[in-house]
PDB file of N, CA and C in Angstrom:
ATOM      1  N   MET A   1     132.571  88.264  96.323  1.00  0.00           N
ATOM      2  CA  MET A   1     131.530  88.225  95.317  1.00  0.00           C
ATOM      3  C   MET A   1     131.936  87.220  94.244  1.00  0.00           C
ATOM      4  N   SER A   2     131.001  86.433  93.821  1.00  0.00           N
ATOM      5  CA  SER A   2     131.323  85.405  92.835  1.00  0.00           C
ATOM      6  C   SER A   2     131.484  86.011  91.443  1.00  0.00           C
ATOM      7  N   LEU A   3     132.103  85.257  90.569  1.00  0.00           N
ATOM      8  CA  LEU A   3     132.319  85.733  89.207  1.00  0.00           C
ATOM      9  C   LEU A   3     131.008  85.898  88.447  1.00  0.00           C
ATOM     10  N   LEU A   4     130.036  85.064  88.753  1.00  0.00           N
ATOM     11  CA  LEU A   4     128.746  85.155  88.071  1.00  0.00           C
ATOM     12  C   LEU A   4     128.038  86.461  88.415  1.00  0.00           C
ATOM     13  N   ALA A   5     128.077  86.850  89.678  1.00  0.00           N
ATOM     14  CA  ALA A   5     127.387  88.063  90.117  1.00  0.00           C
ATOM     15  C   ALA A   5     128.066  89.319  89.587  1.00  0.00           C
ATOM     16  N   GLU A   6     129.349  89.275  89.311  1.00  0.00           N
ATOM     17  CA  GLU A   6     130.053  90.449  88.815  1.00  0.00           C
ATOM     18  C   GLU A   6     129.643  90.798  87.382  1.00  0.00           C
ATOM     19  N   GLY A   7     129.220  89.815  86.605  1.00  0.00           N
ATOM     20  CA  GLY A   7     128.845  90.064  85.218  1.00  0.00           C
ATOM     21  C   GLY A   7     127.422  90.538  85.038  1.00  0.00           C
ATOM     22  N   ILE A   8     126.637  90.564  86.096  1.00  0.00           N
ATOM     23  CA  ILE A   8     125.236  90.975  85.996  1.00  0.00           C
ATOM     24  C   ILE A   8     125.162  92.495  86.075  1.00  0.00           C
ATOM     25  N   THR A   9     124.571  93.100  85.065  1.00  0.00           N
ATOM     26  CA  THR A   9     124.359  94.543  85.072  1.00  0.00           C
ATOM     27  C   THR A   9     122.911  94.818  84.728  1.00  0.00           C
ATOM     28  N   GLY A  10     122.461  96.008  85.027  1.00  0.00           N
ATOM     29  CA  GLY A  10     121.088  96.379  84.701  1.00  0.00           C
ATOM     30  C   GLY A  10     120.305  96.736  85.947  1.00  0.00           C
ATOM     31  N   SER A  11     119.068  96.967  85.754  1.00  0.00           N
ATOM     32  CA  SER A  11     118.204  97.400  86.838  1.00  0.00           C
ATOM     33  C   SER A  11     117.437  96.223  87.422  1.00  0.00           C
ATOM     34  N   LEU A  12     117.507  96.091  88.727  1.00  0.00           N
ATOM     35  CA  LEU A  12     116.706  95.056  89.376  1.00  0.00           C
ATOM     36  C   LEU A  12     115.234  95.438  89.412  1.00  0.00           C
ATOM     37  N   GLY A  13     114.946  96.721  89.173  1.00  0.00           N
ATOM     38  CA  GLY A  13     113.548  97.150  89.089  1.00  0.00           C
ATOM     39  C   GLY A  13     112.829  96.500  87.934  1.00  0.00           C
ATOM     40  N   ALA A  14     113.531  96.281  86.830  1.00  0.00           N
ATOM     41  CA  ALA A  14     112.924  95.616  85.674  1.00  0.00           C
ATOM     42  C   ALA A  14     112.604  94.167  86.000  1.00  0.00           C
ATOM     43  N   VAL A  15     113.478  93.519  86.725  1.00  0.00           N
ATOM     44  CA  VAL A  15     113.227  92.138  87.138  1.00  0.00           C
ATOM     45  C   VAL A  15     112.057  92.099  88.116  1.00  0.00           C
ATOM     46  N   GLY A  16     112.022  93.059  89.021  1.00  0.00           N
ATOM     47  CA  GLY A  16     110.918  93.131  89.986  1.00  0.00           C
ATOM     48  C   GLY A  16     109.582  93.351  89.314  1.00  0.00           C
ATOM     49  N   TYR A  17     109.567  94.231  88.315  1.00  0.00           N
ATOM     50  CA  TYR A  17     108.316  94.465  87.614  1.00  0.00           C
ATOM     51  C   TYR A  17     107.892  93.233  86.829  1.00  0.00           C
ATOM     52  N   GLY A  18     108.851  92.558  86.243  1.00  0.00           N
ATOM     53  CA  GLY A  18     108.520  91.327  85.516  1.00  0.00           C
ATOM     54  C   GLY A  18     107.880  90.303  86.426  1.00  0.00           C
ATOM     55  N   LEU A  19     108.411  90.169  87.620  1.00  0.00           N
ATOM     56  CA  LEU A  19     107.823  89.237  88.581  1.00  0.00           C
ATOM     57  C   LEU A  19     106.484  89.745  89.103  1.00  0.00           C
ATOM     58  N   ALA A  20     106.362  91.063  89.271  1.00  0.00           N
ATOM     59  CA  ALA A  20     105.110  91.626  89.776  1.00  0.00           C
ATOM     60  C   ALA A  20     103.996  91.567  88.741  1.00  0.00           C
ATOM     61  N   ALA A  21     104.318  91.451  87.472  1.00  0.00           N
ATOM     62  CA  ALA A  21     103.302  91.418  86.419  1.00  0.00           C
ATOM     63  C   ALA A  21     102.708  90.029  86.226  1.00  0.00           C
ATOM     64  N   ILE A  22     103.311  89.021  86.814  1.00  0.00           N
ATOM     65  CA  ILE A  22     102.793  87.658  86.662  1.00  0.00           C
ATOM     66  C   ILE A  22     101.427  87.519  87.333  1.00  0.00           C
ATOM     67  N   GLY A  23     101.308  87.983  88.558  1.00  0.00           N
ATOM     68  CA  GLY A  23     100.047  87.863  89.295  1.00  0.00           C
ATOM     69  C   GLY A  23      98.880  88.566  88.632  1.00  0.00           C
ATOM     70  N   PRO A  24      99.010  89.853  88.313  1.00  0.00           N
ATOM     71  CA  PRO A  24      97.910  90.533  87.631  1.00  0.00           C
ATOM     72  C   PRO A  24      97.605  89.950  86.253  1.00  0.00           C
ATOM     73  N   GLY A  25      98.618  89.433  85.573  1.00  0.00           N
ATOM     74  CA  GLY A  25      98.371  88.797  84.272  1.00  0.00           C
ATOM     75  C   GLY A  25      97.479  87.581  84.419  1.00  0.00           C
ATOM     76  N   ILE A  26      97.759  86.785  85.420  1.00  0.00           N
ATOM     77  CA  ILE A  26      96.913  85.619  85.692  1.00  0.00           C
ATOM     78  C   ILE A  26      95.527  86.070  86.147  1.00  0.00           C
ATOM     79  N   GLY A  27      95.492  87.121  86.969  1.00  0.00           N
ATOM     80  CA  GLY A  27      94.208  87.628  87.463  1.00  0.00           C
ATOM     81  C   GLY A  27      93.305  88.128  86.347  1.00  0.00           C
ATOM     82  N   VAL A  28      93.868  88.838  85.390  1.00  0.00           N
ATOM     83  CA  VAL A  28      93.082  89.330  84.256  1.00  0.00           C
ATOM     84  C   VAL A  28      92.549  88.153  83.451  1.00  0.00           C
ATOM     85  N   GLY A  29      93.365  87.138  83.260  1.00  0.00           N
ATOM     86  CA  GLY A  29      92.916  85.943  82.542  1.00  0.00           C
ATOM     87  C   GLY A  29      91.768  85.246  83.247  1.00  0.00           C
ATOM     88  N   VAL A  30      91.838  85.167  84.562  1.00  0.00           N
ATOM     89  CA  VAL A  30      90.770  84.524  85.330  1.00  0.00           C
ATOM     90  C   VAL A  30      89.487  85.343  85.261  1.00  0.00           C
ATOM     91  N   VAL A  31      89.613  86.668  85.336  1.00  0.00           N
ATOM     92  CA  VAL A  31      88.430  87.535  85.282  1.00  0.00           C
ATOM     93  C   VAL A  31      87.713  87.388  83.942  1.00  0.00           C
ATOM     94  N   PHE A  32      88.472  87.437  82.846  1.00  0.00           N
ATOM     95  CA  PHE A  32      87.844  87.322  81.533  1.00  0.00           C
ATOM     96  C   PHE A  32      87.297  85.919  81.295  1.00  0.00           C
ATOM     97  N   ALA A  33      87.979  84.906  81.796  1.00  0.00           N
ATOM     98  CA  ALA A  33      87.480  83.534  81.649  1.00  0.00           C
ATOM     99  C   ALA A  33      86.160  83.350  82.394  1.00  0.00           C
ATOM    100  N   ALA A  34      86.061  83.935  83.579  1.00  0.00           N
ATOM    101  CA  ALA A  34      84.815  83.829  84.342  1.00  0.00           C
ATOM    102  C   ALA A  34      83.680  84.566  83.643  1.00  0.00           C
ATOM    103  N   TYR A  35      83.982  85.721  83.050  1.00  0.00           N
ATOM    104  CA  TYR A  35      82.941  86.464  82.331  1.00  0.00           C
ATOM    105  C   TYR A  35      82.466  85.692  81.107  1.00  0.00           C
ATOM    106  N   ILE A  36      83.387  85.130  80.368  1.00  0.00           N
ATOM    107  CA  ILE A  36      83.009  84.363  79.171  1.00  0.00           C
ATOM    108  C   ILE A  36      82.189  83.143  79.557  1.00  0.00           C
ATOM    109  N   GLN A  37      82.585  82.485  80.627  1.00  0.00           N
ATOM    110  CA  GLN A  37      81.840  81.305  81.069  1.00  0.00           C
ATOM    111  C   GLN A  37      80.436  81.692  81.548  1.00  0.00           C
ATOM    112  N   ALA A  38      80.335  82.790  82.299  1.00  0.00           N
ATOM    113  CA  ALA A  38      79.017  83.227  82.777  1.00  0.00           C
ATOM    114  C   ALA A  38      78.124  83.646  81.617  1.00  0.00           C
ATOM    115  N   THR A  39      78.692  84.308  80.626  1.00  0.00           N
ATOM    116  CA  THR A  39      77.915  84.741  79.469  1.00  0.00           C
ATOM    117  C   THR A  39      77.494  83.554  78.613  1.00  0.00           C
ATOM    118  N   ALA A  40      78.348  82.550  78.522  1.00  0.00           N
ATOM    119  CA  ALA A  40      77.998  81.359  77.749  1.00  0.00           C
ATOM    120  C   ALA A  40      76.880  80.575  78.417  1.00  0.00           C
ATOM    121  N   ARG A  41      76.853  80.575  79.749  1.00  0.00           N
ATOM    122  CA  ARG A  41      75.805  79.828  80.458  1.00  0.00           C
ATOM    123  C   ARG A  41      74.471  80.563  80.433  1.00  0.00           C
ATOM    124  N   GLN A  42      74.521  81.889  80.621  1.00  0.00           N
ATOM    125  CA  GLN A  42      73.302  82.687  80.629  1.00  0.00           C
ATOM    126  C   GLN A  42      73.536  83.962  79.818  1.00  0.00           C
ATOM    127  N   PRO A  43      73.296  83.908  78.523  1.00  0.00           N
ATOM    128  CA  PRO A  43      73.569  85.083  77.678  1.00  0.00           C
ATOM    129  C   PRO A  43      72.788  86.332  78.078  1.00  0.00           C
ATOM    130  N   GLU A  44      71.639  86.152  78.672  1.00  0.00           N
ATOM    131  CA  GLU A  44      70.836  87.319  79.046  1.00  0.00           C
ATOM    132  C   GLU A  44      71.449  88.082  80.221  1.00  0.00           C
ATOM    133  N   SER A  45      72.389  87.480  80.944  1.00  0.00           N
ATOM    134  CA  SER A  45      73.013  88.156  82.080  1.00  0.00           C
ATOM    135  C   SER A  45      74.298  88.890  81.696  1.00  0.00           C
ATOM    136  N   ALA A  46      74.619  88.938  80.414  1.00  0.00           N
ATOM    137  CA  ALA A  46      75.873  89.561  79.974  1.00  0.00           C
ATOM    138  C   ALA A  46      75.937  91.035  80.362  1.00  0.00           C
ATOM    139  N   LYS A  47      74.805  91.733  80.260  1.00  0.00           N
ATOM    140  CA  LYS A  47      74.797  93.153  80.588  1.00  0.00           C
ATOM    141  C   LYS A  47      75.083  93.369  82.077  1.00  0.00           C
ATOM    142  N   ASN A  48      74.554  92.506  82.925  1.00  0.00           N
ATOM    143  CA  ASN A  48      74.741  92.655  84.371  1.00  0.00           C
ATOM    144  C   ASN A  48      76.156  92.278  84.807  1.00  0.00           C
ATOM    145  N   THR A  49      76.721  91.266  84.204  1.00  0.00           N
ATOM    146  CA  THR A  49      78.049  90.808  84.627  1.00  0.00           C
ATOM    147  C   THR A  49      79.179  91.612  83.989  1.00  0.00           C
ATOM    148  N   ARG A  50      78.879  92.405  82.988  1.00  0.00           N
ATOM    149  CA  ARG A  50      79.919  93.221  82.342  1.00  0.00           C
ATOM    150  C   ARG A  50      80.499  94.237  83.325  1.00  0.00           C
ATOM    151  N   THR A  51      79.676  94.737  84.237  1.00  0.00           N
ATOM    152  CA  THR A  51      80.157  95.681  85.255  1.00  0.00           C
ATOM    153  C   THR A  51      81.219  95.027  86.120  1.00  0.00           C
ATOM    154  N   TYR A  52      80.968  93.778  86.529  1.00  0.00           N
ATOM    155  CA  TYR A  52      81.942  93.063  87.347  1.00  0.00           C
ATOM    156  C   TYR A  52      83.201  92.728  86.554  1.00  0.00           C
ATOM    157  N   LEU A  53      83.055  92.530  85.254  1.00  0.00           N
ATOM    158  CA  LEU A  53      84.211  92.291  84.402  1.00  0.00           C
ATOM    159  C   LEU A  53      85.146  93.496  84.435  1.00  0.00           C
ATOM    160  N   PHE A  54      84.611  94.684  84.210  1.00  0.00           N
ATOM    161  CA  PHE A  54      85.456  95.876  84.186  1.00  0.00           C
ATOM    162  C   PHE A  54      86.017  96.202  85.565  1.00  0.00           C
ATOM    163  N   LEU A  55      85.255  95.941  86.609  1.00  0.00           N
ATOM    164  CA  LEU A  55      85.733  96.185  87.967  1.00  0.00           C
ATOM    165  C   LEU A  55      86.898  95.256  88.309  1.00  0.00           C
ATOM    166  N   GLY A  56      86.752  93.977  88.002  1.00  0.00           N
ATOM    167  CA  GLY A  56      87.830  93.021  88.247  1.00  0.00           C
ATOM    168  C   GLY A  56      89.061  93.304  87.414  1.00  0.00           C
ATOM    169  N   PHE A  57      88.842  93.702  86.153  1.00  0.00           N
ATOM    170  CA  PHE A  57      89.956  94.043  85.277  1.00  0.00           C
ATOM    171  C   PHE A  57      90.712  95.256  85.812  1.00  0.00           C
ATOM    172  N   ALA A  58      89.984  96.280  86.242  1.00  0.00           N
ATOM    173  CA  ALA A  58      90.618  97.499  86.744  1.00  0.00           C
ATOM    174  C   ALA A  58      91.410  97.230  88.015  1.00  0.00           C
ATOM    175  N   LEU A  59      90.868  96.425  88.909  1.00  0.00           N
ATOM    176  CA  LEU A  59      91.589  96.124  90.148  1.00  0.00           C
ATOM    177  C   LEU A  59      92.842  95.298  89.869  1.00  0.00           C
ATOM    178  N   SER A  60      92.768  94.371  88.950  1.00  0.00           N
ATOM    179  CA  SER A  60      93.942  93.572  88.600  1.00  0.00           C
ATOM    180  C   SER A  60      95.017  94.438  87.951  1.00  0.00           C
ATOM    181  N   GLU A  61      94.614  95.333  87.081  1.00  0.00           N
ATOM    182  CA  GLU A  61      95.579  96.206  86.428  1.00  0.00           C
ATOM    183  C   GLU A  61      96.171  97.217  87.400  1.00  0.00           C
ATOM    184  N   ALA A  62      95.412  97.595  88.421  1.00  0.00           N
ATOM    185  CA  ALA A  62      95.952  98.504  89.434  1.00  0.00           C
ATOM    186  C   ALA A  62      97.123  97.843  90.156  1.00  0.00           C
ATOM    187  N   LEU A  63      97.032  96.547  90.393  1.00  0.00           N
ATOM    188  CA  LEU A  63      98.153  95.837  91.011  1.00  0.00           C
ATOM    189  C   LEU A  63      99.374  95.840  90.106  1.00  0.00           C
ATOM    190  N   ALA A  64      99.157  95.702  88.818  1.00  0.00           N
ATOM    191  CA  ALA A  64     100.271  95.733  87.873  1.00  0.00           C
ATOM    192  C   ALA A  64     100.920  97.113  87.858  1.00  0.00           C
ATOM    193  N   LEU A  65     100.120  98.155  87.917  1.00  0.00           N
ATOM    194  CA  LEU A  65     100.680  99.507  87.939  1.00  0.00           C
ATOM    195  C   LEU A  65     101.445  99.783  89.227  1.00  0.00           C
ATOM    196  N   LEU A  66     100.953  99.262  90.340  1.00  0.00           N
ATOM    197  CA  LEU A  66     101.691  99.392  91.592  1.00  0.00           C
ATOM    198  C   LEU A  66     103.033  98.668  91.506  1.00  0.00           C
ATOM    199  N   GLY A  67     103.028  97.500  90.912  1.00  0.00           N
ATOM    200  CA  GLY A  67     104.270  96.767  90.728  1.00  0.00           C
ATOM    201  C   GLY A  67     105.239  97.490  89.822  1.00  0.00           C
ATOM    202  N   PHE A  68     104.733  98.310  88.925  1.00  0.00           N
ATOM    203  CA  PHE A  68     105.583  99.090  88.030  1.00  0.00           C
ATOM    204  C   PHE A  68     106.168 100.311  88.732  1.00  0.00           C
ATOM    205  N   VAL A  69     105.390 100.938  89.608  1.00  0.00           N
ATOM    206  CA  VAL A  69     105.802 102.187  90.242  1.00  0.00           C
ATOM    207  C   VAL A  69     106.714 101.966  91.438  1.00  0.00           C
ATOM    208  N   VAL A  70     106.459 100.939  92.222  1.00  0.00           N
ATOM    209  CA  VAL A  70     107.200 100.723  93.461  1.00  0.00           C
ATOM    210  C   VAL A  70     108.706 100.608  93.266  1.00  0.00           C
ATOM    211  N   PRO A  71     109.210  99.888  92.256  1.00  0.00           N
ATOM    212  CA  PRO A  71     110.679  99.865  92.097  1.00  0.00           C
ATOM    213  C   PRO A  71     111.289 101.233  91.852  1.00  0.00           C
ATOM    214  N   PHE A  72     110.543 102.143  91.215  1.00  0.00           N
ATOM    215  CA  PHE A  72     111.069 103.484  90.994  1.00  0.00           C
ATOM    216  C   PHE A  72     111.074 104.314  92.279  1.00  0.00           C
ATOM    217  N   ILE A  73     110.139 104.050  93.165  1.00  0.00           N
ATOM    218  CA  ILE A  73     110.074 104.782  94.425  1.00  0.00           C
ATOM    219  C   ILE A  73     111.249 104.394  95.322  1.00  0.00           C
ATOM    220  N   PHE A  74     111.568 103.113  95.380  1.00  0.00           N
ATOM    221  CA  PHE A  74     112.619 102.638  96.268  1.00  0.00           C
ATOM    222  C   PHE A  74     113.984 102.546  95.588  1.00  0.00           C
ATOM    223  N   LYS A  75     114.168 103.272  94.528  1.00  0.00           N
ATOM    224  CA  LYS A  75     115.429 103.235  93.783  1.00  0.00           C
ATOM    225  C   LYS A  75     116.530 103.955  94.493  1.00  0.00           C
TER     226      LYS A  75
END
């Protein structure tokens, strides 16, 4: 084992969650950007597209929660 690896302590689950949170973070940004763009183009459709906003947000956040739970399961 190298000297560098011997000095590393802590939980790899935290590193895994940090990496797993990148995708859903980008996904939430894309969902909200698409909603803002759609609302700016057609303000009268804001009520109809708001449902898709919350659905996309919930699915993206579900991935983040899975990324948070999985390291604890395989610990």
